[in-house]
PDB file of N, CA and C in Angstrom:
ATOM      1  N   UNK A   1     -13.422  40.988  36.338  1.00  0.00           N
ATOM      2  CA  UNK A   1     -12.172  40.758  37.030  1.00  0.00           C
ATOM      3  C   UNK A   1     -12.342  39.999  38.341  1.00  0.00           C
ATOM      4  N   UNK A   2     -13.413  40.242  39.064  1.00  0.00           N
ATOM      5  CA  UNK A   2     -13.623  39.557  40.343  1.00  0.00           C
ATOM      6  C   UNK A   2     -13.786  38.054  40.133  1.00  0.00           C
ATOM      7  N   UNK A   3     -14.595  37.659  39.170  1.00  0.00           N
ATOM      8  CA  UNK A   3     -14.799  36.234  38.927  1.00  0.00           C
ATOM      9  C   UNK A   3     -13.501  35.569  38.491  1.00  0.00           C
ATOM     10  N   UNK A   4     -12.703  36.262  37.714  1.00  0.00           N
ATOM     11  CA  UNK A   4     -11.455  35.690  37.234  1.00  0.00           C
ATOM     12  C   UNK A   4     -10.511  35.377  38.389  1.00  0.00           C
ATOM     13  N   UNK A   5     -10.550  36.177  39.436  1.00  0.00           N
ATOM     14  CA  UNK A   5      -9.671  35.964  40.584  1.00  0.00           C
ATOM     15  C   UNK A   5     -10.027  34.707  41.371  1.00  0.00           C
ATOM     16  N   UNK A   6     -11.290  34.321  41.374  1.00  0.00           N
ATOM     17  CA  UNK A   6     -11.710  33.167  42.178  1.00  0.00           C
ATOM     18  C   UNK A   6     -11.939  31.903  41.348  1.00  0.00           C
ATOM     19  N   UNK A   7     -11.886  32.028  40.031  1.00  0.00           N
ATOM     20  CA  UNK A   7     -12.096  30.876  39.155  1.00  0.00           C
ATOM     21  C   UNK A   7     -10.758  30.207  38.869  1.00  0.00           C
ATOM     22  N   UNK A   8     -10.652  28.932  39.191  1.00  0.00           N
ATOM     23  CA  UNK A   8      -9.418  28.181  38.942  1.00  0.00           C
ATOM     24  C   UNK A   8      -9.251  27.896  37.460  1.00  0.00           C
ATOM     25  N   UNK A   9      -8.002  27.769  37.039  1.00  0.00           N
ATOM     26  CA  UNK A   9      -7.728  27.403  35.651  1.00  0.00           C
ATOM     27  C   UNK A   9      -8.391  26.051  35.364  1.00  0.00           C
ATOM     28  N   UNK A  10      -9.106  25.977  34.259  1.00  0.00           N
ATOM     29  CA  UNK A  10      -9.851  24.775  33.910  1.00  0.00           C
ATOM     30  C   UNK A  10     -11.254  24.771  34.493  1.00  0.00           C
ATOM     31  N   UNK A  11     -11.528  25.724  35.385  1.00  0.00           N
ATOM     32  CA  UNK A  11     -12.859  25.837  35.979  1.00  0.00           C
ATOM     33  C   UNK A  11     -13.848  26.449  34.999  1.00  0.00           C
ATOM     34  N   UNK A  12     -15.108  26.159  35.217  1.00  0.00           N
ATOM     35  CA  UNK A  12     -16.160  26.692  34.360  1.00  0.00           C
ATOM     36  C   UNK A  12     -17.048  27.640  35.143  1.00  0.00           C
ATOM     37  N   UNK A  13     -17.567  28.629  34.422  1.00  0.00           N
ATOM     38  CA  UNK A  13     -18.501  29.577  35.012  1.00  0.00           C
ATOM     39  C   UNK A  13     -19.722  29.669  34.101  1.00  0.00           C
ATOM     40  N   UNK A  14     -20.882  29.644  34.718  1.00  0.00           N
ATOM     41  CA  UNK A  14     -22.142  29.764  33.988  1.00  0.00           C
ATOM     42  C   UNK A  14     -22.779  31.081  34.401  1.00  0.00           C
ATOM     43  N   UNK A  15     -23.105  31.880  33.416  1.00  0.00           N
ATOM     44  CA  UNK A  15     -23.779  33.159  33.657  1.00  0.00           C
ATOM     45  C   UNK A  15     -25.140  33.093  32.987  1.00  0.00           C
ATOM     46  N   UNK A  16     -26.165  33.465  33.719  1.00  0.00           N
ATOM     47  CA  UNK A  16     -27.512  33.320  33.167  1.00  0.00           C
ATOM     48  C   UNK A  16     -28.343  34.574  33.392  1.00  0.00           C
ATOM     49  N   UNK A  17     -29.506  34.580  32.741  1.00  0.00           N
ATOM     50  CA  UNK A  17     -30.441  35.690  32.877  1.00  0.00           C
ATOM     51  C   UNK A  17     -30.315  36.700  31.753  1.00  0.00           C
ATOM     52  N   UNK A  18     -29.895  36.242  30.595  1.00  0.00           N
ATOM     53  CA  UNK A  18     -29.688  37.123  29.450  1.00  0.00           C
ATOM     54  C   UNK A  18     -30.630  36.747  28.315  1.00  0.00           C
ATOM     55  N   UNK A  19     -30.702  37.646  27.347  1.00  0.00           N
ATOM     56  CA  UNK A  19     -31.420  37.362  26.107  1.00  0.00           C
ATOM     57  C   UNK A  19     -30.421  36.882  25.066  1.00  0.00           C
ATOM     58  N   UNK A  20     -30.918  36.137  24.091  1.00  0.00           N
ATOM     59  CA  UNK A  20     -30.047  35.581  23.057  1.00  0.00           C
ATOM     60  C   UNK A  20     -29.231  36.673  22.353  1.00  0.00           C
ATOM     61  N   UNK A  21     -29.848  37.822  22.123  1.00  0.00           N
ATOM     62  CA  UNK A  21     -29.127  38.889  21.419  1.00  0.00           C
ATOM     63  C   UNK A  21     -27.983  39.483  22.252  1.00  0.00           C
ATOM     64  N   UNK A  22     -27.926  39.160  23.544  1.00  0.00           N
ATOM     65  CA  UNK A  22     -26.834  39.638  24.402  1.00  0.00           C
ATOM     66  C   UNK A  22     -25.582  38.764  24.309  1.00  0.00           C
ATOM     67  N   UNK A  23     -25.713  37.586  23.734  1.00  0.00           N
ATOM     68  CA  UNK A  23     -24.595  36.633  23.714  1.00  0.00           C
ATOM     69  C   UNK A  23     -23.320  37.216  23.105  1.00  0.00           C
ATOM     70  N   UNK A  24     -23.365  37.879  21.945  1.00  0.00           N
ATOM     71  CA  UNK A  24     -22.098  38.382  21.383  1.00  0.00           C
ATOM     72  C   UNK A  24     -21.337  39.314  22.329  1.00  0.00           C
ATOM     73  N   UNK A  25     -22.028  40.215  22.999  1.00  0.00           N
ATOM     74  CA  UNK A  25     -21.357  41.142  23.919  1.00  0.00           C
ATOM     75  C   UNK A  25     -20.793  40.402  25.129  1.00  0.00           C
ATOM     76  N   UNK A  26     -21.544  39.443  25.649  1.00  0.00           N
ATOM     77  CA  UNK A  26     -21.089  38.670  26.807  1.00  0.00           C
ATOM     78  C   UNK A  26     -19.894  37.801  26.418  1.00  0.00           C
ATOM     79  N   UNK A  27     -19.983  37.196  25.248  1.00  0.00           N
ATOM     80  CA  UNK A  27     -18.880  36.359  24.769  1.00  0.00           C
ATOM     81  C   UNK A  27     -17.602  37.186  24.601  1.00  0.00           C
ATOM     82  N   UNK A  28     -17.738  38.370  24.030  1.00  0.00           N
ATOM     83  CA  UNK A  28     -16.582  39.249  23.844  1.00  0.00           C
ATOM     84  C   UNK A  28     -15.930  39.592  25.176  1.00  0.00           C
ATOM     85  N   UNK A  29     -16.724  39.952  26.161  1.00  0.00           N
ATOM     86  CA  UNK A  29     -16.175  40.306  27.481  1.00  0.00           C
ATOM     87  C   UNK A  29     -15.482  39.110  28.134  1.00  0.00           C
ATOM     88  N   UNK A  30     -16.104  37.932  28.035  1.00  0.00           N
ATOM     89  CA  UNK A  30     -15.485  36.737  28.603  1.00  0.00           C
ATOM     90  C   UNK A  30     -14.159  36.415  27.941  1.00  0.00           C
ATOM     91  N   UNK A  31     -14.121  36.527  26.625  1.00  0.00           N
ATOM     92  CA  UNK A  31     -12.887  36.240  25.902  1.00  0.00           C
ATOM     93  C   UNK A  31     -11.818  37.289  26.202  1.00  0.00           C
ATOM     94  N   UNK A  32     -12.228  38.530  26.477  1.00  0.00           N
ATOM     95  CA  UNK A  32     -11.260  39.555  26.888  1.00  0.00           C
ATOM     96  C   UNK A  32     -10.608  39.194  28.226  1.00  0.00           C
ATOM     97  N   UNK A  33     -11.323  38.445  29.061  1.00  0.00           N
ATOM     98  CA  UNK A  33     -10.772  37.982  30.341  1.00  0.00           C
ATOM     99  C   UNK A  33      -9.858  36.770  30.158  1.00  0.00           C
ATOM    100  N   UNK A  34      -9.818  36.228  28.936  1.00  0.00           N
ATOM    101  CA  UNK A  34      -8.997  35.059  28.669  1.00  0.00           C
ATOM    102  C   UNK A  34      -9.756  33.752  28.810  1.00  0.00           C
ATOM    103  N   UNK A  35     -11.083  33.842  28.939  1.00  0.00           N
ATOM    104  CA  UNK A  35     -11.907  32.650  29.080  1.00  0.00           C
ATOM    105  C   UNK A  35     -12.272  32.101  27.706  1.00  0.00           C
ATOM    106  N   UNK A  36     -12.527  30.806  27.641  1.00  0.00           N
ATOM    107  CA  UNK A  36     -12.955  30.144  26.418  1.00  0.00           C
ATOM    108  C   UNK A  36     -14.464  29.966  26.459  1.00  0.00           C
ATOM    109  N   UNK A  37     -15.134  30.456  25.437  1.00  0.00           N
ATOM    110  CA  UNK A  37     -16.583  30.294  25.334  1.00  0.00           C
ATOM    111  C   UNK A  37     -16.872  28.841  24.978  1.00  0.00           C
ATOM    112  N   UNK A  38     -17.754  28.197  25.734  1.00  0.00           N
ATOM    113  CA  UNK A  38     -18.073  26.797  25.483  1.00  0.00           C
ATOM    114  C   UNK A  38     -19.425  26.615  24.809  1.00  0.00           C
ATOM    115  N   UNK A  39     -20.466  27.260  25.362  1.00  0.00           N
ATOM    116  CA  UNK A  39     -21.809  27.018  24.825  1.00  0.00           C
ATOM    117  C   UNK A  39     -22.805  27.979  25.456  1.00  0.00           C
ATOM    118  N   UNK A  40     -23.997  27.925  24.893  1.00  0.00           N
ATOM    119  CA  UNK A  40     -25.116  28.607  25.529  1.00  0.00           C
ATOM    120  C   UNK A  40     -26.284  27.646  25.569  1.00  0.00           C
ATOM    121  N   UNK A  41     -27.143  27.827  26.528  1.00  0.00           N
ATOM    122  CA  UNK A  41     -28.390  27.077  26.612  1.00  0.00           C
ATOM    123  C   UNK A  41     -29.514  28.093  26.730  1.00  0.00           C
ATOM    124  N   UNK A  42     -30.679  27.697  26.238  1.00  0.00           N
ATOM    125  CA  UNK A  42     -31.811  28.617  26.220  1.00  0.00           C
ATOM    126  C   UNK A  42     -33.054  27.927  26.756  1.00  0.00           C
ATOM    127  N   UNK A  43     -33.782  28.632  27.594  1.00  0.00           N
ATOM    128  CA  UNK A  43     -35.053  28.141  28.107  1.00  0.00           C
ATOM    129  C   UNK A  43     -36.035  29.299  28.055  1.00  0.00           C
ATOM    130  N   UNK A  44     -37.156  29.059  27.416  1.00  0.00           N
ATOM    131  CA  UNK A  44     -38.115  30.121  27.150  1.00  0.00           C
ATOM    132  C   UNK A  44     -37.356  31.210  26.378  1.00  0.00           C
ATOM    133  N   UNK A  45     -37.249  32.394  26.905  1.00  0.00           N
ATOM    134  CA  UNK A  45     -36.504  33.445  26.198  1.00  0.00           C
ATOM    135  C   UNK A  45     -35.215  33.809  26.928  1.00  0.00           C
ATOM    136  N   UNK A  46     -34.846  33.010  27.918  1.00  0.00           N
ATOM    137  CA  UNK A  46     -33.652  33.298  28.713  1.00  0.00           C
ATOM    138  C   UNK A  46     -32.485  32.421  28.280  1.00  0.00           C
ATOM    139  N   UNK A  47     -31.289  32.967  28.417  1.00  0.00           N
ATOM    140  CA  UNK A  47     -30.079  32.282  27.974  1.00  0.00           C
ATOM    141  C   UNK A  47     -29.072  32.204  29.121  1.00  0.00           C
ATOM    142  N   UNK A  48     -28.321  31.112  29.145  1.00  0.00           N
ATOM    143  CA  UNK A  48     -27.164  30.970  30.031  1.00  0.00           C
ATOM    144  C   UNK A  48     -25.956  30.678  29.146  1.00  0.00           C
ATOM    145  N   UNK A  49     -24.832  31.294  29.454  1.00  0.00           N
ATOM    146  CA  UNK A  49     -23.602  31.043  28.705  1.00  0.00           C
ATOM    147  C   UNK A  49     -22.580  30.396  29.636  1.00  0.00           C
ATOM    148  N   UNK A  50     -21.772  29.506  29.072  1.00  0.00           N
ATOM    149  CA  UNK A  50     -20.749  28.806  29.848  1.00  0.00           C
ATOM    150  C   UNK A  50     -19.376  29.110  29.264  1.00  0.00           C
ATOM    151  N   UNK A  51     -18.463  29.478  30.150  1.00  0.00           N
ATOM    152  CA  UNK A  51     -17.069  29.737  29.795  1.00  0.00           C
ATOM    153  C   UNK A  51     -16.173  28.827  30.627  1.00  0.00           C
ATOM    154  N   UNK A  52     -14.958  28.595  30.116  1.00  0.00           N
ATOM    155  CA  UNK A  52     -13.940  27.889  30.883  1.00  0.00           C
ATOM    156  C   UNK A  52     -12.698  28.775  30.938  1.00  0.00           C
ATOM    157  N   UNK A  53     -12.082  28.798  32.108  1.00  0.00           N
ATOM    158  CA  UNK A  53     -10.861  29.591  32.274  1.00  0.00           C
ATOM    159  C   UNK A  53      -9.659  28.788  31.828  1.00  0.00           C
TER     160      UNK A  53
END
């Protein structure tokens, strides 16, 4: 909820420091906030997910 208050409509947020298997839970929470899941990127075993409001 805090991020949603400061993120402008059309703005993007990148959240990182997760494992690939965490993506479904993170995606679900983001979509519950009304955000659109855009993509994930992976480096070594770490993942970053990008959403747009």
